[in-house]
């Protein structure tokens, strides 16, 4: 089993991007720099690929090696190193729940310090807006998770939902969600579970930092609408000159076998543009709530659930 991702990936990725840029500008190879600093090539490679926690001494040595001591980027690196040392809340949970199969730990590590999360879901309700009953039915019936994993899976999901309310040292996560109409009609758990879930959507979609759009059956098909994904957008409050750095943004595509990471800036931008197209083609927030309310009112409950 691969080691668990132990903390937010944002700071590590920023450090990695700066160090790699400096080395490429210097014209040196990994071997050249490693030999000059008496460190292993694999260690330097891990630093440039945001793998593991960077050490302040190693970063300082690299700043001096590249002659970047007085640059703004060098001034930010100690703060980023300190931020990368923080263990994520998810490390308190069982590795078998987080790491095995789908690498949920890495997905949460990307999410942990994102400013905005743009999601598209089909045929299920966005995770951050799910009720506990809906989530339990999803894990039991769709993923068929072992019974002994259920308590932790639900705790993790509730913890992720908390990010929309508050986060230590960060503003609450902003969610821009597009969900296909089929997610509102797909019965998960029972008709009663779905009624409660749709009621929850009507409440949560009115929150200031939540934008929910329904992509209706009547809409013209749009790019990226055939798979579920999350686009994580990062903004550094310590760097107001660069409020939106698309090179740090990342996309996680959800598959049956886990998450596929897209971090090439050109491909990331393509998903950013595609999500904007989905929002434009979907119903407005008010019209989405009208449809949700209509579907909820049309649900027929079996006698046993009345």
Protein backbone atom coordinates (compact mmCIF):
# COMPACT_ATOMS: atom_id res chain seq x y z
CA UNK A 1 0.00 0.00 0.00
CA UNK A 2 1.45 3.44 -0.90
CA UNK A 3 2.13 5.87 1.97
CA UNK A 4 -0.65 8.21 2.96
CA UNK A 5 -0.53 11.84 1.76
CA UNK A 6 0.01 13.48 5.13
CA UNK A 7 -0.79 17.14 4.56
CA UNK A 8 -2.12 19.79 2.18
CA UNK A 9 -0.45 19.60 -1.22
CA UNK A 10 -0.73 23.28 -2.12
CA UNK A 11 2.42 24.48 -0.27
CA UNK A 12 4.50 21.53 -1.50
CA UNK A 13 3.45 22.11 -5.09
CA UNK A 14 4.38 25.80 -4.91
CA UNK A 15 7.79 24.97 -3.48
CA UNK A 16 8.29 22.31 -6.14
CA UNK A 17 7.35 24.68 -8.97
CA UNK A 18 9.80 27.37 -7.77
CA UNK A 19 12.71 24.95 -7.30
CA UNK A 20 12.17 23.30 -10.67
CA UNK A 21 11.91 26.69 -12.40
CA UNK A 22 15.16 27.87 -10.83
CA UNK A 23 17.01 24.70 -11.83
CA UNK A 24 15.77 24.86 -15.41
CA UNK A 25 16.74 28.53 -15.63
CA UNK A 26 20.22 27.63 -14.38
CA UNK A 27 20.65 25.03 -17.13
CA UNK A 28 21.69 22.41 -14.57
CA UNK A 29 20.54 18.83 -14.42
CA UNK A 30 19.26 17.06 -11.32
CA UNK A 31 22.60 15.32 -11.05
CA UNK A 32 24.52 18.62 -11.29
CA UNK A 33 22.62 20.21 -8.42
CA UNK A 34 22.60 17.06 -6.30
CA UNK A 35 26.36 16.69 -6.59
CA UNK A 36 26.95 20.35 -5.76
CA UNK A 37 24.85 20.14 -2.59
CA UNK A 38 25.89 16.61 -1.62
CA UNK A 39 22.35 15.29 -1.64
CA UNK A 40 20.83 12.41 -3.57
CA UNK A 41 19.29 12.93 -6.97
CA UNK A 42 16.16 11.13 -5.78
CA UNK A 43 15.78 13.59 -2.90
CA UNK A 44 16.01 16.57 -5.23
CA UNK A 45 13.57 14.92 -7.61
CA UNK A 46 11.08 14.42 -4.76
CA UNK A 47 11.38 18.11 -3.85
CA UNK A 48 10.64 19.12 -7.45
CA UNK A 49 7.66 16.76 -7.62
CA UNK A 50 6.05 17.77 -4.32
CA UNK A 51 6.62 14.33 -2.84
CA UNK A 52 7.15 14.16 0.91
CA UNK A 53 7.66 17.07 3.27
CA UNK A 54 10.43 19.52 2.29
CA UNK A 55 13.04 20.42 4.91
CA UNK A 56 13.86 24.08 5.50
CA UNK A 57 17.61 23.43 5.44
CA UNK A 58 17.43 21.77 2.02
CA UNK A 59 15.31 24.60 0.63
CA UNK A 60 17.69 27.24 2.01
CA UNK A 61 20.66 25.44 0.45
CA UNK A 62 18.91 25.47 -2.90
CA UNK A 63 18.06 29.18 -2.59
CA UNK A 64 21.75 29.91 -2.02
CA UNK A 65 22.86 27.56 -4.78
CA UNK A 66 20.70 29.33 -7.36
CA UNK A 67 21.61 32.80 -6.01
CA UNK A 68 18.00 33.71 -5.27
CA UNK A 69 18.37 34.95 -1.68
CA UNK A 70 16.82 38.39 -2.25
CA UNK A 71 13.96 37.40 -4.55
CA UNK A 72 10.27 37.58 -3.52
CA UNK A 73 9.93 33.84 -4.19
CA UNK A 74 12.76 33.05 -1.77
CA UNK A 75 11.06 35.18 0.87
CA UNK A 76 7.90 33.10 0.61
CA UNK A 77 9.57 29.68 0.80
CA UNK A 78 10.05 29.46 4.61
CA UNK A 79 6.31 30.13 5.09
CA UNK A 80 5.45 27.45 2.54
CA UNK A 81 7.82 24.95 4.16
CA UNK A 82 6.17 25.57 7.54
CA UNK A 83 2.72 25.14 5.98
CA UNK A 84 3.78 21.86 4.38
CA UNK A 85 4.77 20.42 7.77
CA UNK A 86 1.21 20.48 9.08
CA UNK A 87 -0.48 17.09 9.26
CA UNK A 88 -3.89 16.98 7.64
CA UNK A 89 -6.95 16.09 9.72
CA UNK A 90 -7.46 12.99 7.58
CA UNK A 91 -4.28 11.36 8.95
CA UNK A 92 -6.30 10.43 12.03
CA UNK A 93 -8.29 7.93 9.97
CA UNK A 94 -7.51 4.36 8.95
CA UNK A 95 -5.20 3.98 5.96
CA UNK A 96 -7.38 1.17 4.63
CA UNK A 97 -10.29 3.59 4.36
CA UNK A 98 -8.34 6.45 2.75
CA UNK A 99 -5.48 5.00 0.74
CA UNK A 100 -6.62 1.64 -0.51
CA UNK A 101 -8.03 1.58 -4.04
CA UNK A 102 -9.22 5.16 -4.62
CA UNK A 103 -6.53 7.32 -2.93
CA UNK A 104 -9.08 9.50 -1.18
CA UNK A 105 -6.26 10.91 0.97
CA UNK A 106 -4.61 12.60 -2.01
CA UNK A 107 -7.93 13.99 -3.23
CA UNK A 108 -8.61 15.50 0.20
CA UNK A 109 -5.04 16.85 0.35
CA UNK A 110 -5.69 18.80 -2.85
CA UNK A 111 -9.00 20.01 -1.44
CA UNK A 112 -7.64 21.01 1.96
CA UNK A 113 -6.25 24.42 1.01
CA UNK A 114 -8.10 25.12 -2.24
CA UNK A 115 -9.92 28.45 -2.38
CA UNK A 116 -12.60 27.32 -4.82
CA UNK A 117 -13.77 23.85 -5.79
CA UNK A 118 -15.60 23.56 -9.11
CA UNK A 119 -17.30 20.20 -9.49
CA UNK A 120 -19.42 18.34 -11.98
CA UNK A 121 -21.33 15.25 -10.86
CA UNK A 122 -23.29 12.57 -12.65
CA UNK A 123 -25.40 10.68 -11.53
CA UNK A 124 -24.87 11.57 -7.86
CA UNK A 125 -25.32 14.65 -5.69
CA UNK A 126 -22.11 16.66 -5.02
CA UNK A 127 -20.39 15.24 -1.94
CA UNK A 128 -20.35 18.50 0.04
CA UNK A 129 -24.14 18.76 -0.26
CA UNK A 130 -25.06 15.16 0.60
CA UNK A 131 -27.03 14.18 3.67
CA UNK A 132 -25.61 11.52 5.94
CA UNK A 133 -28.37 9.07 4.94
CA UNK A 134 -27.68 9.61 1.24
CA UNK A 135 -23.92 9.15 1.76
CA UNK A 136 -24.46 5.96 3.78
CA UNK A 137 -26.66 4.49 1.05
CA UNK A 138 -24.09 5.46 -1.57
CA UNK A 139 -21.25 3.71 0.24
CA UNK A 140 -23.35 0.64 1.01
CA UNK A 141 -25.15 0.11 -2.28
CA UNK A 142 -22.85 1.66 -4.90
CA UNK A 143 -19.33 1.23 -3.55
CA UNK A 144 -20.24 -1.78 -1.40
CA UNK A 145 -17.81 -0.75 1.28
CA UNK A 146 -17.28 -3.12 4.24
CA UNK A 147 -19.56 -2.44 7.18
CA UNK A 148 -16.62 -1.77 9.51
CA UNK A 149 -15.46 1.10 7.27
CA UNK A 150 -18.79 2.92 7.27
CA UNK A 151 -18.37 4.98 10.48
CA UNK A 152 -15.04 6.44 9.36
CA UNK A 153 -16.21 7.02 5.79
CA UNK A 154 -19.17 9.03 7.06
CA UNK A 155 -17.00 10.95 9.53
CA UNK A 156 -14.61 11.86 6.70
CA UNK A 157 -17.48 13.03 4.54
CA UNK A 158 -18.91 15.18 7.35
CA UNK A 159 -15.45 16.65 7.96
CA UNK A 160 -15.13 17.58 4.30
CA UNK A 161 -18.55 19.27 4.43
CA UNK A 162 -17.35 21.39 7.35
CA UNK A 163 -14.95 23.17 4.99
CA UNK A 164 -17.92 25.09 3.58
CA UNK A 165 -18.53 26.53 7.07
CA UNK A 166 -15.07 27.09 8.53
CA UNK A 167 -11.40 26.10 8.15
CA UNK A 168 -8.45 26.78 10.43
CA UNK A 169 -6.44 29.68 9.03
CA UNK A 170 -8.43 29.79 5.79
CA UNK A 171 -11.69 31.22 4.57
CA UNK A 172 -14.47 28.66 4.05
CA UNK A 173 -14.25 26.73 0.81
CA UNK A 174 -16.28 28.17 -2.05
CA UNK A 175 -18.20 25.53 -4.02
CA UNK A 176 -19.37 25.98 -7.61
CA UNK A 177 -21.24 22.81 -8.50
CA UNK A 178 -22.94 21.59 -11.63
CA UNK A 179 -24.90 18.38 -11.27
CA UNK A 180 -26.75 16.56 -14.01
CA UNK A 181 -30.53 16.34 -13.69
CA UNK A 182 -30.25 12.56 -13.49
CA UNK A 183 -28.59 12.94 -10.05
CA UNK A 184 -31.85 14.43 -8.78
CA UNK A 185 -33.91 11.57 -10.16
CA UNK A 186 -31.61 8.64 -9.36
CA UNK A 187 -33.02 6.98 -6.24
CA UNK A 188 -30.23 6.42 -3.73
CA UNK A 189 -31.27 4.61 -0.56
CA UNK A 190 -35.02 5.16 -0.84
CA UNK A 191 -37.57 7.71 -1.96
CA UNK A 192 -37.61 9.13 1.58
CA UNK A 193 -33.83 9.49 1.58
CA UNK A 194 -34.09 11.31 -1.75
CA UNK A 195 -36.83 13.67 -0.49
CA UNK A 196 -34.65 14.60 2.46
CA UNK A 197 -31.66 14.99 0.14
CA UNK A 198 -33.52 17.30 -2.23
CA UNK A 199 -34.75 19.35 0.75
CA UNK A 200 -31.12 19.66 1.83
CA UNK A 201 -30.14 20.92 -1.62
CA UNK A 202 -32.80 23.62 -1.44
CA UNK A 203 -31.34 24.85 1.85
CA UNK A 204 -27.63 24.49 1.14
CA UNK A 205 -27.78 25.97 -2.35
CA UNK A 206 -28.85 29.26 -0.78
CA UNK A 207 -25.63 29.63 1.19
CA UNK A 208 -23.38 32.53 0.24
CA UNK A 209 -20.36 30.43 -0.76
CA UNK A 210 -22.34 27.72 -2.59
CA UNK A 211 -23.49 27.96 -6.21
CA UNK A 212 -25.50 24.98 -7.44
CA UNK A 213 -26.55 24.60 -11.07
CA UNK A 214 -28.54 21.71 -12.52
CA UNK A 215 -27.63 20.58 -16.03
CA UNK A 216 -31.06 19.62 -17.42
CA UNK A 217 -31.94 16.85 -19.84
CA UNK A 218 -33.08 19.57 -22.24
CA UNK A 219 -29.64 21.22 -22.48
CA UNK A 220 -27.32 20.74 -25.44
CA UNK A 221 -24.45 18.35 -24.53
CA UNK A 222 -21.31 20.16 -23.39
CA UNK A 223 -17.62 19.20 -23.08
CA UNK A 224 -16.57 17.19 -19.99
CA UNK A 225 -20.19 16.32 -19.10
CA UNK A 226 -19.55 12.57 -19.35
CA UNK A 227 -17.35 12.20 -16.25
CA UNK A 228 -17.29 13.48 -12.67
CA UNK A 229 -14.44 15.76 -11.72
CA UNK A 230 -13.30 18.41 -9.27
CA UNK A 231 -11.32 21.48 -10.28
CA UNK A 232 -9.31 22.89 -7.36
CA UNK A 233 -8.51 26.59 -7.60
CA UNK A 234 -5.83 28.11 -5.39
CA UNK A 235 -5.29 31.71 -4.34
CA UNK A 236 -2.44 32.76 -2.03
CA UNK A 237 -3.55 35.40 0.52
CA UNK A 238 0.12 36.19 1.11
CA UNK A 239 0.66 37.02 -2.57
CA UNK A 240 -1.94 39.64 -3.57
CA UNK A 241 -0.06 40.38 -6.79
CA UNK A 242 -0.99 36.93 -8.06
CA UNK A 243 -4.54 36.26 -6.78
CA UNK A 244 -5.23 33.48 -9.27
CA UNK A 245 -2.38 31.27 -10.44
CA UNK A 246 -3.76 28.76 -12.92
CA UNK A 247 -0.41 26.95 -12.94
CA UNK A 248 -1.11 25.80 -9.38
CA UNK A 249 -4.68 24.69 -10.08
CA UNK A 250 -5.34 20.97 -10.48
CA UNK A 251 -8.13 18.71 -11.69
CA UNK A 252 -9.09 15.36 -10.19
CA UNK A 253 -11.18 13.15 -12.48
CA UNK A 254 -13.15 10.51 -10.59
CA UNK A 255 -13.13 6.99 -12.01
CA UNK A 256 -14.21 3.61 -10.68
CA UNK A 257 -10.55 2.84 -9.95
CA UNK A 258 -9.72 6.10 -8.21
CA UNK A 259 -8.77 9.64 -9.15
CA UNK A 260 -6.85 10.72 -12.22
CA UNK A 261 -4.84 13.92 -11.65
CA UNK A 262 -4.54 16.58 -14.34
CA UNK A 263 -1.94 19.25 -13.53
CA UNK A 264 -0.55 20.30 -16.90
CA UNK A 265 -1.47 24.02 -17.10
CA UNK A 266 -2.87 23.77 -20.66
CA UNK A 267 -5.08 20.80 -19.76
CA UNK A 268 -6.12 22.42 -16.48
CA UNK A 269 -7.20 25.56 -18.35
CA UNK A 270 -9.22 23.40 -20.72
CA UNK A 271 -11.17 22.00 -17.77
CA UNK A 272 -11.59 25.48 -16.30
CA UNK A 273 -13.10 26.69 -19.57
CA UNK A 274 -15.21 23.53 -19.90
CA UNK A 275 -16.66 23.98 -16.42
CA UNK A 276 -17.56 27.56 -17.27
CA UNK A 277 -19.39 26.20 -20.33
CA UNK A 278 -21.26 23.74 -18.13
CA UNK A 279 -22.35 26.54 -15.80
CA UNK A 280 -23.48 28.65 -18.78
CA UNK A 281 -25.45 25.76 -20.30
CA UNK A 282 -27.01 24.72 -17.00
CA UNK A 283 -30.00 26.28 -15.29
CA UNK A 284 -29.53 29.40 -13.20
CA UNK A 285 -29.35 28.93 -9.43
CA UNK A 286 -32.98 30.02 -9.00
CA UNK A 287 -34.23 27.85 -11.87
CA UNK A 288 -32.20 24.94 -10.49
CA UNK A 289 -34.00 25.26 -7.15
CA UNK A 290 -37.33 25.37 -8.96
CA UNK A 291 -36.53 22.08 -10.72
CA UNK A 292 -35.25 20.49 -7.50
CA UNK A 293 -38.47 21.48 -5.73
CA UNK A 294 -40.59 20.07 -8.57
CA UNK A 295 -38.77 16.73 -8.54
CA UNK A 296 -39.02 16.53 -4.75
CA UNK A 297 -42.76 17.20 -4.83
CA UNK A 298 -43.21 14.54 -7.51
CA UNK A 299 -41.53 11.75 -5.54
CA UNK A 300 -43.99 9.04 -4.63
CA UNK A 301 -43.30 7.43 -1.28
CA UNK A 302 -44.21 3.77 -0.70
CA UNK A 303 -46.83 3.17 2.00
CA UNK A 304 -44.10 1.79 4.26
CA UNK A 305 -42.31 5.17 4.19
CA UNK A 306 -45.38 7.34 4.80
